[in-house]
């Protein structure tokens, strides 16, 4: 690339309201570039949502293994004290291959949409918190000087 990819990711992360990390149920490996991009998201952990896509292509036992492997891999990359929320589903326009999870996927999609619909109100709260944080930092800086 002719530009600093992680720098661009960091720039956008500071200006956006929500960050979706998409993982395919068949490809859980986190490449070095993706790991660097996730590292550039540090400080924006509250904005990150993780989506495990195409989960209808595996059976229930494989889904449990895939979810566990994803959480283990992310635990090494995303250094947060709390466990990240993972939305599991099949977010594409094809019919589900495994109807066993249809109810679960509908609930997960509903939860993700509810989270996305709450963005306008949560963005205002986040911006107010950022202003308070900057005001405190400025006050401390003024007291030190």
N, C-alpha and C. Protein backbone atom coordinates (compact mmCIF):
# COMPACT_ATOMS: atom_id res chain seq x y z
N UNK A 1 0.84 -1.19 0.00
CA UNK A 1 0.00 0.00 0.00
C UNK A 1 0.87 1.24 0.00
N UNK A 2 0.34 2.26 -0.58
CA UNK A 2 1.10 3.51 -0.66
C UNK A 2 0.72 4.47 0.46
N UNK A 3 0.08 3.96 1.52
CA UNK A 3 -0.30 4.79 2.65
C UNK A 3 -0.18 3.97 3.93
N UNK A 4 -0.20 4.64 5.06
CA UNK A 4 -0.08 4.00 6.36
C UNK A 4 -1.45 3.46 6.78
N UNK A 5 -1.67 2.17 6.56
CA UNK A 5 -2.98 1.56 6.80
C UNK A 5 -3.39 1.67 8.26
N UNK A 6 -2.49 1.33 9.17
CA UNK A 6 -2.86 1.41 10.59
C UNK A 6 -3.10 2.85 11.03
N UNK A 7 -2.39 3.78 10.44
CA UNK A 7 -2.64 5.19 10.73
C UNK A 7 -4.02 5.63 10.27
N UNK A 8 -4.43 5.15 9.11
CA UNK A 8 -5.76 5.46 8.59
C UNK A 8 -6.83 4.84 9.48
N UNK A 9 -6.62 3.58 9.90
CA UNK A 9 -7.57 2.90 10.79
C UNK A 9 -7.70 3.68 12.10
N UNK A 10 -6.57 4.11 12.64
CA UNK A 10 -6.58 4.87 13.89
C UNK A 10 -7.32 6.20 13.72
N UNK A 11 -7.12 6.86 12.58
CA UNK A 11 -7.78 8.14 12.32
C UNK A 11 -9.30 7.95 12.26
N UNK A 12 -9.75 6.96 11.49
CA UNK A 12 -11.18 6.71 11.37
C UNK A 12 -11.78 6.25 12.70
N UNK A 13 -11.04 5.44 13.45
CA UNK A 13 -11.55 4.93 14.74
C UNK A 13 -11.84 6.07 15.71
N UNK A 14 -11.03 7.10 15.67
CA UNK A 14 -11.25 8.23 16.55
C UNK A 14 -12.45 9.07 16.17
N UNK A 15 -12.91 8.94 14.95
CA UNK A 15 -14.00 9.78 14.45
C UNK A 15 -15.33 9.05 14.25
N UNK A 16 -15.32 7.76 14.33
CA UNK A 16 -16.56 7.01 14.10
C UNK A 16 -17.27 6.70 15.41
N UNK A 17 -18.51 6.27 15.31
CA UNK A 17 -19.30 5.94 16.50
C UNK A 17 -19.35 4.45 16.77
N UNK A 18 -19.12 3.62 15.79
CA UNK A 18 -19.18 2.17 15.98
C UNK A 18 -18.18 1.51 15.04
N UNK A 19 -17.51 0.47 15.54
CA UNK A 19 -16.54 -0.28 14.75
C UNK A 19 -17.00 -1.74 14.74
N UNK A 20 -17.23 -2.26 13.55
CA UNK A 20 -17.63 -3.66 13.41
C UNK A 20 -16.44 -4.47 12.89
N UNK A 21 -16.05 -5.48 13.65
CA UNK A 21 -15.02 -6.41 13.20
C UNK A 21 -15.73 -7.67 12.72
N UNK A 22 -15.60 -7.98 11.46
CA UNK A 22 -16.29 -9.13 10.86
C UNK A 22 -15.35 -10.31 10.74
N UNK A 23 -15.83 -11.47 11.20
CA UNK A 23 -15.09 -12.71 11.08
C UNK A 23 -15.95 -13.73 10.38
N UNK A 24 -15.34 -14.51 9.53
CA UNK A 24 -16.02 -15.59 8.84
C UNK A 24 -15.88 -16.85 9.69
N UNK A 25 -16.95 -17.62 9.83
CA UNK A 25 -16.92 -18.82 10.66
C UNK A 25 -15.91 -19.85 10.14
N UNK A 26 -15.50 -19.73 8.88
CA UNK A 26 -14.55 -20.68 8.30
C UNK A 26 -13.12 -20.16 8.33
N UNK A 27 -12.93 -18.87 8.53
CA UNK A 27 -11.58 -18.29 8.52
C UNK A 27 -11.42 -17.42 9.77
N UNK A 28 -10.95 -18.02 10.83
CA UNK A 28 -10.80 -17.27 12.08
C UNK A 28 -9.41 -16.70 12.28
N UNK A 29 -8.49 -17.06 11.41
CA UNK A 29 -7.13 -16.59 11.60
C UNK A 29 -7.06 -15.06 11.50
N UNK A 30 -6.29 -14.49 12.40
CA UNK A 30 -6.11 -13.04 12.42
C UNK A 30 -4.73 -12.77 11.84
N UNK A 31 -4.71 -12.21 10.64
CA UNK A 31 -3.44 -11.95 9.96
C UNK A 31 -2.67 -10.86 10.71
N UNK A 32 -1.40 -10.72 10.37
CA UNK A 32 -0.57 -9.70 11.01
C UNK A 32 -1.11 -8.30 10.73
N UNK A 33 -1.58 -8.09 9.50
CA UNK A 33 -2.13 -6.78 9.14
C UNK A 33 -3.41 -6.49 9.92
N UNK A 34 -4.28 -7.50 10.04
CA UNK A 34 -5.52 -7.33 10.80
C UNK A 34 -5.22 -7.11 12.28
N UNK A 35 -4.22 -7.82 12.79
CA UNK A 35 -3.81 -7.65 14.18
C UNK A 35 -3.29 -6.23 14.42
N UNK A 36 -2.51 -5.70 13.48
CA UNK A 36 -2.02 -4.33 13.59
C UNK A 36 -3.18 -3.34 13.53
N UNK A 37 -4.16 -3.61 12.68
CA UNK A 37 -5.34 -2.74 12.58
C UNK A 37 -6.14 -2.76 13.88
N UNK A 38 -6.31 -3.94 14.46
CA UNK A 38 -7.02 -4.03 15.73
C UNK A 38 -6.23 -3.31 16.82
N UNK A 39 -4.92 -3.42 16.78
CA UNK A 39 -4.07 -2.69 17.73
C UNK A 39 -4.24 -1.19 17.60
N UNK A 40 -4.47 -0.71 16.38
CA UNK A 40 -4.68 0.73 16.16
C UNK A 40 -6.01 1.20 16.74
N UNK A 41 -6.90 0.27 17.07
CA UNK A 41 -8.20 0.63 17.64
C UNK A 41 -8.14 0.85 19.15
N UNK A 42 -6.98 0.64 19.76
CA UNK A 42 -6.86 0.80 21.22
C UNK A 42 -7.33 2.20 21.63
N UNK A 43 -8.04 2.23 22.74
CA UNK A 43 -8.61 3.48 23.20
C UNK A 43 -10.02 3.68 22.70
N UNK A 44 -10.44 2.85 21.79
CA UNK A 44 -11.80 2.91 21.23
C UNK A 44 -12.54 1.60 21.49
N UNK A 45 -12.17 0.91 22.55
CA UNK A 45 -12.71 -0.42 22.83
C UNK A 45 -14.22 -0.42 23.02
N UNK A 46 -14.77 0.66 23.54
CA UNK A 46 -16.22 0.73 23.76
C UNK A 46 -17.00 0.81 22.46
N UNK A 47 -16.34 1.14 21.37
CA UNK A 47 -17.00 1.26 20.06
C UNK A 47 -17.01 -0.06 19.30
N UNK A 48 -16.20 -1.02 19.71
CA UNK A 48 -15.99 -2.25 18.94
C UNK A 48 -17.12 -3.24 19.18
N UNK A 49 -17.64 -3.78 18.09
CA UNK A 49 -18.59 -4.89 18.11
C UNK A 49 -18.04 -5.95 17.17
N UNK A 50 -18.16 -7.19 17.56
CA UNK A 50 -17.60 -8.30 16.79
C UNK A 50 -18.74 -9.11 16.21
N UNK A 51 -18.63 -9.43 14.93
CA UNK A 51 -19.66 -10.19 14.22
C UNK A 51 -19.04 -11.46 13.67
N UNK A 52 -19.60 -12.59 14.07
CA UNK A 52 -19.20 -13.89 13.51
C UNK A 52 -20.21 -14.23 12.43
N UNK A 53 -19.78 -14.10 11.19
CA UNK A 53 -20.67 -14.24 10.04
C UNK A 53 -20.61 -15.65 9.44
N UNK A 54 -21.63 -15.98 8.68
CA UNK A 54 -21.75 -17.26 7.98
C UNK A 54 -21.71 -18.44 8.95
N UNK A 55 -22.28 -18.25 10.13
CA UNK A 55 -22.29 -19.30 11.14
C UNK A 55 -23.26 -20.42 10.81
N UNK A 56 -24.09 -20.22 9.81
CA UNK A 56 -25.03 -21.28 9.41
C UNK A 56 -24.33 -22.40 8.63
N UNK A 57 -23.08 -22.19 8.28
CA UNK A 57 -22.34 -23.18 7.50
C UNK A 57 -21.71 -24.26 8.38
N UNK A 58 -21.88 -24.14 9.71
CA UNK A 58 -21.31 -25.13 10.63
C UNK A 58 -22.42 -25.71 11.50
N UNK A 59 -22.16 -26.88 12.07
CA UNK A 59 -23.16 -27.47 12.97
C UNK A 59 -22.94 -26.93 14.39
N UNK A 60 -23.77 -27.35 15.32
CA UNK A 60 -23.75 -26.77 16.67
C UNK A 60 -22.42 -27.01 17.37
N UNK A 61 -21.86 -28.20 17.25
CA UNK A 61 -20.59 -28.49 17.90
C UNK A 61 -19.47 -27.62 17.31
N UNK A 62 -19.44 -27.51 16.00
CA UNK A 62 -18.42 -26.68 15.35
C UNK A 62 -18.61 -25.21 15.72
N UNK A 63 -19.87 -24.76 15.84
CA UNK A 63 -20.12 -23.37 16.20
C UNK A 63 -19.57 -23.06 17.59
N UNK A 64 -19.74 -23.97 18.52
CA UNK A 64 -19.18 -23.77 19.86
C UNK A 64 -17.66 -23.69 19.80
N UNK A 65 -17.05 -24.54 19.00
CA UNK A 65 -15.59 -24.52 18.86
C UNK A 65 -15.12 -23.24 18.18
N UNK A 66 -15.83 -22.84 17.14
CA UNK A 66 -15.46 -21.63 16.41
C UNK A 66 -15.58 -20.41 17.32
N UNK A 67 -16.66 -20.33 18.08
CA UNK A 67 -16.87 -19.20 18.99
C UNK A 67 -15.76 -19.17 20.04
N UNK A 68 -15.44 -20.32 20.61
CA UNK A 68 -14.37 -20.39 21.60
C UNK A 68 -13.02 -20.00 21.02
N UNK A 69 -12.72 -20.48 19.82
CA UNK A 69 -11.46 -20.15 19.17
C UNK A 69 -11.38 -18.66 18.85
N UNK A 70 -12.50 -18.09 18.43
CA UNK A 70 -12.53 -16.65 18.15
C UNK A 70 -12.27 -15.85 19.42
N UNK A 71 -12.92 -16.23 20.51
CA UNK A 71 -12.72 -15.51 21.77
C UNK A 71 -11.28 -15.64 22.25
N UNK A 72 -10.69 -16.81 22.09
CA UNK A 72 -9.30 -17.03 22.49
C UNK A 72 -8.35 -16.17 21.65
N UNK A 73 -8.57 -16.15 20.34
CA UNK A 73 -7.74 -15.35 19.44
C UNK A 73 -7.87 -13.86 19.73
N UNK A 74 -9.10 -13.42 19.96
CA UNK A 74 -9.32 -12.00 20.24
C UNK A 74 -8.75 -11.60 21.60
N UNK A 75 -8.77 -12.52 22.55
CA UNK A 75 -8.21 -12.23 23.87
C UNK A 75 -6.74 -11.90 23.81
N UNK A 76 -6.04 -12.47 22.83
CA UNK A 76 -4.61 -12.17 22.67
C UNK A 76 -4.39 -10.83 21.97
N UNK A 77 -5.38 -10.37 21.21
CA UNK A 77 -5.21 -9.15 20.41
C UNK A 77 -5.85 -7.94 21.09
N UNK A 78 -7.08 -8.10 21.56
CA UNK A 78 -7.79 -7.00 22.20
C UNK A 78 -7.56 -7.11 23.70
N UNK A 79 -6.83 -6.20 24.25
CA UNK A 79 -6.46 -6.24 25.67
C UNK A 79 -7.46 -5.44 26.50
N UNK A 80 -8.62 -6.02 26.75
CA UNK A 80 -9.62 -5.37 27.59
C UNK A 80 -9.98 -6.29 28.74
N UNK A 81 -10.35 -5.72 29.88
CA UNK A 81 -10.69 -6.57 31.03
C UNK A 81 -12.00 -7.34 30.84
N UNK A 82 -12.94 -6.78 30.08
CA UNK A 82 -14.21 -7.47 29.88
C UNK A 82 -14.22 -8.20 28.53
N UNK A 83 -15.05 -9.21 28.46
CA UNK A 83 -15.17 -10.00 27.25
C UNK A 83 -15.98 -9.21 26.22
N UNK A 84 -15.51 -9.22 24.99
CA UNK A 84 -16.20 -8.50 23.92
C UNK A 84 -17.48 -9.24 23.54
N UNK A 85 -18.50 -8.49 23.15
CA UNK A 85 -19.77 -9.04 22.70
C UNK A 85 -19.62 -9.51 21.26
N UNK A 86 -19.97 -10.76 21.01
CA UNK A 86 -19.90 -11.33 19.67
C UNK A 86 -21.32 -11.60 19.18
N UNK A 87 -21.67 -11.01 18.06
CA UNK A 87 -22.96 -11.26 17.41
C UNK A 87 -22.76 -12.40 16.42
N UNK A 88 -23.52 -13.46 16.58
CA UNK A 88 -23.39 -14.63 15.73
C UNK A 88 -24.56 -14.66 14.76
N UNK A 89 -24.27 -14.88 13.49
CA UNK A 89 -25.35 -14.94 12.52
C UNK A 89 -24.86 -15.28 11.14
N UNK A 90 -25.75 -15.11 10.21
CA UNK A 90 -25.43 -15.31 8.81
C UNK A 90 -25.96 -14.09 8.07
N UNK A 91 -25.11 -13.10 7.94
CA UNK A 91 -25.51 -11.80 7.42
C UNK A 91 -25.21 -11.69 5.93
N UNK A 92 -25.94 -12.44 5.13
CA UNK A 92 -25.85 -12.32 3.69
C UNK A 92 -27.20 -12.68 3.11
N UNK A 93 -27.36 -12.52 1.83
CA UNK A 93 -28.69 -12.64 1.22
C UNK A 93 -29.06 -14.07 0.82
N UNK A 94 -28.27 -15.04 1.18
CA UNK A 94 -28.57 -16.44 0.84
C UNK A 94 -29.42 -17.08 1.95
N UNK A 95 -30.23 -18.07 1.60
CA UNK A 95 -31.00 -18.76 2.64
C UNK A 95 -30.07 -19.53 3.58
N UNK A 96 -30.51 -19.70 4.82
CA UNK A 96 -29.69 -20.41 5.80
C UNK A 96 -29.46 -21.85 5.37
N UNK A 97 -28.24 -22.32 5.51
CA UNK A 97 -27.94 -23.71 5.18
C UNK A 97 -28.28 -24.63 6.34
N UNK A 98 -28.20 -24.11 7.56
CA UNK A 98 -28.51 -24.89 8.74
C UNK A 98 -29.64 -24.19 9.48
N UNK A 99 -30.85 -24.68 9.32
CA UNK A 99 -32.04 -24.04 9.90
C UNK A 99 -32.10 -24.18 11.42
N UNK A 100 -31.23 -25.01 11.98
CA UNK A 100 -31.20 -25.25 13.42
C UNK A 100 -31.00 -23.95 14.21
N UNK A 101 -30.26 -23.00 13.65
CA UNK A 101 -29.92 -21.77 14.35
C UNK A 101 -30.79 -20.58 13.96
N UNK A 102 -31.83 -20.80 13.21
CA UNK A 102 -32.61 -19.68 12.66
C UNK A 102 -33.12 -18.74 13.76
N UNK A 103 -33.67 -19.28 14.83
CA UNK A 103 -34.19 -18.44 15.92
C UNK A 103 -33.06 -17.67 16.60
N UNK A 104 -31.94 -18.33 16.84
CA UNK A 104 -30.78 -17.67 17.45
C UNK A 104 -30.28 -16.54 16.57
N UNK A 105 -30.16 -16.79 15.27
CA UNK A 105 -29.65 -15.78 14.34
C UNK A 105 -30.59 -14.58 14.26
N UNK A 106 -31.88 -14.81 14.31
CA UNK A 106 -32.85 -13.70 14.30
C UNK A 106 -32.70 -12.84 15.55
N UNK A 107 -32.53 -13.48 16.70
CA UNK A 107 -32.33 -12.73 17.95
C UNK A 107 -31.02 -11.95 17.92
N UNK A 108 -29.96 -12.57 17.43
CA UNK A 108 -28.67 -11.91 17.35
C UNK A 108 -28.72 -10.72 16.39
N UNK A 109 -29.37 -10.91 15.24
CA UNK A 109 -29.52 -9.81 14.28
C UNK A 109 -30.33 -8.68 14.89
N UNK A 110 -31.38 -9.03 15.64
CA UNK A 110 -32.18 -8.02 16.33
C UNK A 110 -31.35 -7.25 17.35
N UNK A 111 -30.52 -7.96 18.11
CA UNK A 111 -29.65 -7.30 19.09
C UNK A 111 -28.66 -6.35 18.42
N UNK A 112 -28.09 -6.80 17.29
CA UNK A 112 -27.14 -5.95 16.57
C UNK A 112 -27.84 -4.71 16.02
N UNK A 113 -29.03 -4.88 15.45
CA UNK A 113 -29.77 -3.74 14.93
C UNK A 113 -30.17 -2.78 16.05
N UNK A 114 -30.55 -3.30 17.20
CA UNK A 114 -30.89 -2.45 18.34
C UNK A 114 -29.67 -1.64 18.77
N UNK A 115 -28.51 -2.29 18.79
CA UNK A 115 -27.28 -1.59 19.13
C UNK A 115 -26.98 -0.49 18.12
N UNK A 116 -27.15 -0.78 16.84
CA UNK A 116 -26.88 0.22 15.81
C UNK A 116 -27.89 1.37 15.86
N UNK A 117 -29.15 1.05 16.18
CA UNK A 117 -30.17 2.10 16.28
C UNK A 117 -29.95 3.01 17.48
N UNK A 118 -29.25 2.52 18.49
CA UNK A 118 -28.99 3.33 19.68
C UNK A 118 -27.80 4.28 19.49
N UNK A 119 -27.17 4.23 18.33
CA UNK A 119 -25.98 5.05 18.08
C UNK A 119 -26.20 6.56 18.26
N UNK A 120 -27.27 7.13 17.75
CA UNK A 120 -27.41 8.59 17.92
C UNK A 120 -27.38 9.03 19.38
N UNK A 121 -28.10 8.34 20.25
CA UNK A 121 -28.11 8.75 21.66
C UNK A 121 -26.79 8.43 22.35
N UNK A 122 -26.21 7.26 22.06
CA UNK A 122 -24.95 6.91 22.72
C UNK A 122 -23.80 7.77 22.20
N UNK A 123 -23.89 8.24 20.97
CA UNK A 123 -22.83 9.10 20.43
C UNK A 123 -22.80 10.44 21.16
N UNK A 124 -23.96 10.96 21.50
CA UNK A 124 -24.03 12.23 22.24
C UNK A 124 -23.39 12.06 23.62
N UNK A 125 -23.73 10.98 24.30
CA UNK A 125 -23.17 10.71 25.62
C UNK A 125 -21.65 10.54 25.53
N UNK A 126 -21.19 9.83 24.52
CA UNK A 126 -19.75 9.62 24.34
C UNK A 126 -19.02 10.94 24.09
N UNK A 127 -19.62 11.81 23.29
CA UNK A 127 -18.99 13.10 23.01
C UNK A 127 -18.94 13.98 24.26
N UNK A 128 -19.98 13.94 25.06
CA UNK A 128 -19.98 14.70 26.32
C UNK A 128 -18.88 14.17 27.23
N UNK A 129 -18.75 12.86 27.31
CA UNK A 129 -17.69 12.26 28.13
C UNK A 129 -16.30 12.65 27.63
N UNK A 130 -16.12 12.75 26.31
CA UNK A 130 -14.84 13.18 25.76
C UNK A 130 -14.53 14.62 26.13
N UNK A 131 -15.55 15.49 26.09
CA UNK A 131 -15.34 16.89 26.47
C UNK A 131 -14.97 16.98 27.95
N UNK A 132 -15.63 16.22 28.80
CA UNK A 132 -15.32 16.22 30.23
C UNK A 132 -13.90 15.72 30.45
N UNK A 133 -13.53 14.67 29.75
CA UNK A 133 -12.17 14.12 29.86
C UNK A 133 -11.12 15.14 29.45
N UNK A 134 -11.37 15.85 28.35
CA UNK A 134 -10.42 16.88 27.90
C UNK A 134 -10.36 18.06 28.87
N UNK A 135 -11.51 18.43 29.43
CA UNK A 135 -11.54 19.53 30.40
C UNK A 135 -10.74 19.16 31.65
N UNK A 136 -10.88 17.93 32.11
CA UNK A 136 -10.10 17.48 33.27
C UNK A 136 -8.61 17.48 32.96
N UNK A 137 -8.24 17.00 31.77
CA UNK A 137 -6.83 16.99 31.38
C UNK A 137 -6.28 18.41 31.31
N UNK A 138 -7.06 19.34 30.75
CA UNK A 138 -6.62 20.74 30.67
C UNK A 138 -6.48 21.34 32.06
N UNK A 139 -7.39 21.02 32.95
CA UNK A 139 -7.33 21.53 34.34
C UNK A 139 -6.08 21.01 35.04
N UNK A 140 -5.82 19.73 34.90
CA UNK A 140 -4.62 19.14 35.52
C UNK A 140 -3.37 19.76 34.93
N UNK A 141 -3.36 19.95 33.63
CA UNK A 141 -2.21 20.59 32.97
C UNK A 141 -1.99 22.01 33.50
N UNK A 142 -3.09 22.76 33.67
CA UNK A 142 -3.00 24.13 34.20
C UNK A 142 -2.50 24.12 35.64
N UNK A 143 -2.92 23.17 36.45
CA UNK A 143 -2.46 23.09 37.83
C UNK A 143 -1.00 22.73 37.92
N UNK A 144 -0.53 21.91 37.01
CA UNK A 144 0.89 21.53 37.01
C UNK A 144 1.75 22.70 36.60
N UNK A 145 1.30 23.45 35.63
CA UNK A 145 2.09 24.59 35.13
C UNK A 145 1.92 25.73 36.09
